[in-house]
C-alpha atoms as a PDB file:
ATOM      1  CA  MET A   1      -0.035  -0.008   0.014  1.00  0.00           C
ATOM      2  CA  LEU A   2       1.371   3.441  -0.904  1.00  0.00           C
ATOM      3  CA  VAL A   3       0.107   6.441   1.040  1.00  0.00           C
ATOM      4  CA  ILE A   4       0.716  10.245   0.856  1.00  0.00           C
ATOM      5  CA  LYS A   5       0.762  11.610   4.395  1.00  0.00           C
ATOM      6  CA  ILE A   6       0.717  15.298   5.228  1.00  0.00           C
ATOM      7  CA  ASN A   7       1.317  16.357   8.819  1.00  0.00           C
ATOM      8  CA  SER A   8      -0.586  19.535   9.414  1.00  0.00           C
ATOM      9  CA  PRO A   9      -3.278  21.035  11.592  1.00  0.00           C
ATOM     10  CA  LYS A  10      -6.728  19.735  10.885  1.00  0.00           C
ATOM     11  CA  SER A  11      -7.811  23.322  10.146  1.00  0.00           C
ATOM     12  CA  VAL A  12      -5.930  23.198   6.743  1.00  0.00           C
ATOM     13  CA  TYR A  13      -7.212  19.715   5.696  1.00  0.00           C
ATOM     14  CA  ASN A  14      -9.771  21.224   3.372  1.00  0.00           C
ATOM     15  CA  LYS A  15      -7.065  23.483   1.752  1.00  0.00           C
ATOM     16  CA  ILE A  16      -4.960  20.493   1.181  1.00  0.00           C
ATOM     17  CA  SER A  17      -7.829  18.625  -0.458  1.00  0.00           C
ATOM     18  CA  ARG A  18      -8.503  21.578  -2.717  1.00  0.00           C
ATOM     19  CA  ILE A  19      -4.834  22.022  -3.689  1.00  0.00           C
ATOM     20  CA  LEU A  20      -4.400  18.352  -4.485  1.00  0.00           C
ATOM     21  CA  GLY A  21      -7.898  17.833  -5.871  1.00  0.00           C
ATOM     22  CA  LEU A  22      -8.298  14.634  -3.703  1.00  0.00           C
ATOM     23  CA  ILE A  23     -10.575  13.491  -0.926  1.00  0.00           C
ATOM     24  CA  PRO A  24      -8.383  12.013   1.750  1.00  0.00           C
ATOM     25  CA  THR A  25      -8.829   8.268   2.592  1.00  0.00           C
ATOM     26  CA  SER A  26      -8.012   9.082   6.284  1.00  0.00           C
ATOM     27  CA  GLU A  27      -7.887  12.142   8.574  1.00  0.00           C
ATOM     28  CA  LEU A  28      -7.347  10.443  11.915  1.00  0.00           C
ATOM     29  CA  ILE A  29      -3.840  11.628  12.676  1.00  0.00           C
ATOM     30  CA  ASP A  30      -2.577  13.182   9.332  1.00  0.00           C
ATOM     31  CA  TRP A  31      -4.133  14.021   6.046  1.00  0.00           C
ATOM     32  CA  GLU A  32      -3.712  10.769   4.107  1.00  0.00           C
ATOM     33  CA  TYR A  33      -4.436   9.577   0.612  1.00  0.00           C
ATOM     34  CA  GLU A  34      -3.933   5.940  -0.472  1.00  0.00           C
ATOM     35  CA  ILE A  35      -2.646   5.344  -3.927  1.00  0.00           C
ATOM     36  CA  VAL A  36      -4.796   2.535  -5.236  1.00  0.00           C
ATOM     37  CA  ASP A  37      -2.367   1.215  -7.870  1.00  0.00           C
ATOM     38  CA  ASN A  38       0.777   1.665  -5.664  1.00  0.00           C
ATOM     39  CA  SER A  39       2.465   3.745  -8.368  1.00  0.00           C
ATOM     40  CA  VAL A  40       5.379   5.983  -7.457  1.00  0.00           C
ATOM     41  CA  ARG A  41       4.605   7.837 -10.807  1.00  0.00           C
ATOM     42  CA  LYS A  42       1.037   8.586  -9.481  1.00  0.00           C
ATOM     43  CA  VAL A  43       2.526  10.216  -6.398  1.00  0.00           C
ATOM     44  CA  PHE A  44       4.624  12.474  -8.630  1.00  0.00           C
ATOM     45  CA  GLU A  45       1.628  13.216 -10.798  1.00  0.00           C
ATOM     46  CA  ILE A  46      -0.420  14.332  -7.688  1.00  0.00           C
ATOM     47  CA  LEU A  47       2.339  16.258  -5.972  1.00  0.00           C
ATOM     48  CA  ASN A  48       4.264  17.802  -8.926  1.00  0.00           C
ATOM     49  CA  ASN A  49       3.826  21.515  -8.972  1.00  0.00           C
ATOM     50  CA  LYS A  50       1.666  21.315  -5.841  1.00  0.00           C
ATOM     51  CA  ILE A  51       4.451  21.355  -3.206  1.00  0.00           C
ATOM     52  CA  VAL A  52       4.825  25.143  -3.615  1.00  0.00           C
ATOM     53  CA  LEU A  53       1.062  25.678  -3.135  1.00  0.00           C
ATOM     54  CA  LEU A  54       1.232  23.474  -0.006  1.00  0.00           C
ATOM     55  CA  ASN A  55       4.225  25.571   1.225  1.00  0.00           C
ATOM     56  CA  ASP A  56       2.051  28.709   0.727  1.00  0.00           C
ATOM     57  CA  ILE A  57      -0.444  27.376   3.345  1.00  0.00           C
ATOM     58  CA  GLY A  58       2.313  26.660   5.820  1.00  0.00           C
ATOM     59  CA  ILE A  59       3.098  22.947   4.912  1.00  0.00           C
ATOM     60  CA  LYS A  60       6.902  22.315   4.757  1.00  0.00           C
ATOM     61  CA  ASN A  61       8.377  19.664   2.506  1.00  0.00           C
ATOM     62  CA  GLU A  62       9.317  17.644   5.607  1.00  0.00           C
ATOM     63  CA  ASP A  63       5.671  17.578   6.513  1.00  0.00           C
ATOM     64  CA  VAL A  64       4.818  15.517   3.362  1.00  0.00           C
ATOM     65  CA  THR A  65       5.856  11.865   3.352  1.00  0.00           C
ATOM     66  CA  ILE A  66       5.226   8.919   1.134  1.00  0.00           C
ATOM     67  CA  TRP A  67       4.724   5.680   2.944  1.00  0.00           C
ATOM     68  CA  LEU A  68       5.065   2.255   1.406  1.00  0.00           C
ATOM     69  CA  TYR A  69       3.524  -0.476   3.639  1.00  0.00           C
ATOM     70  CA  TYR A  70       4.561  -3.880   2.607  1.00  0.00           C
ATOM     71  CA  GLU A  71       3.314  -7.116   4.148  1.00  0.00           C
ATOM     72  CA  TYR A  72       5.309 -10.179   3.005  1.00  0.00           C
ATOM     73  CA  GLU A  73       6.036 -13.796   3.693  1.00  0.00           C
ATOM     74  CA  GLY A  74       9.520 -15.012   3.372  1.00  0.00           C
ATOM     75  CA  GLN A  75      11.936 -12.721   1.655  1.00  0.00           C
ATOM     76  CA  CYS A  76      11.122  -9.038   1.143  1.00  0.00           C
ATOM     77  CA  ASN A  77      12.375  -7.355  -2.076  1.00  0.00           C
ATOM     78  CA  ILE A  78      11.353  -3.872  -3.121  1.00  0.00           C
ATOM     79  CA  GLU A  79      12.544  -2.273  -6.349  1.00  0.00           C
ATOM     80  CA  PHE A  80      12.300   1.293  -7.642  1.00  0.00           C
ATOM     81  CA  SER A  81      13.289   2.444 -11.077  1.00  0.00           C
ATOM     82  CA  ALA A  82      15.978   5.047 -11.449  1.00  0.00           C
ATOM     83  CA  ASN A  83      13.315   7.365 -12.960  1.00  0.00           C
ATOM     84  CA  ASP A  84      10.939   6.931 -10.054  1.00  0.00           C
ATOM     85  CA  LEU A  85      13.657   7.724  -7.625  1.00  0.00           C
ATOM     86  CA  LEU A  86      14.613  10.781  -9.623  1.00  0.00           C
ATOM     87  CA  GLN A  87      11.033  12.013  -9.701  1.00  0.00           C
ATOM     88  CA  LEU A  88      10.665  11.544  -5.917  1.00  0.00           C
ATOM     89  CA  SER A  89      13.946  13.329  -5.245  1.00  0.00           C
ATOM     90  CA  LYS A  90      12.720  16.330  -7.317  1.00  0.00           C
ATOM     91  CA  LEU A  91       9.724  16.621  -4.866  1.00  0.00           C
ATOM     92  CA  ASN A  92      12.222  16.910  -1.995  1.00  0.00           C
ATOM     93  CA  ILE A  93      10.008  14.839   0.377  1.00  0.00           C
ATOM     94  CA  ASN A  94      10.730  11.734   2.450  1.00  0.00           C
ATOM     95  CA  LEU A  95       9.974   8.120   1.477  1.00  0.00           C
ATOM     96  CA  CYS A  96       9.302   5.771   4.358  1.00  0.00           C
ATOM     97  CA  ILE A  97       9.139   1.965   3.937  1.00  0.00           C
ATOM     98  CA  SER A  98       7.532  -0.290   6.602  1.00  0.00           C
ATOM     99  CA  CYS A  99       7.728  -4.039   6.045  1.00  0.00           C
ATOM    100  CA  TRP A 100       6.388  -6.854   8.191  1.00  0.00           C
ATOM    101  CA  GLN A 101       5.559 -10.517   8.159  1.00  0.00           C
END
């Protein structure tokens, strides 16, 4: 599961939704949106050119994280293409990976 998480006050959740054009899948702790197809490219499509707008409402780049949750059995292998990593680095946000059996 791939999730965009934005750590911000709940008072700006509606502004985040308007900027990104998305309805969050969770608002319990952070503003969160689950990427259905687990595509790193989709994350870039959503956030590209929007980080500056998020900065304008007080959200810093370090407040935006991409989480990859990966449940596995046996060996855990995760691969990213060089292009996907390049696109993520252009966003200047963190990628967090959580794996468990």
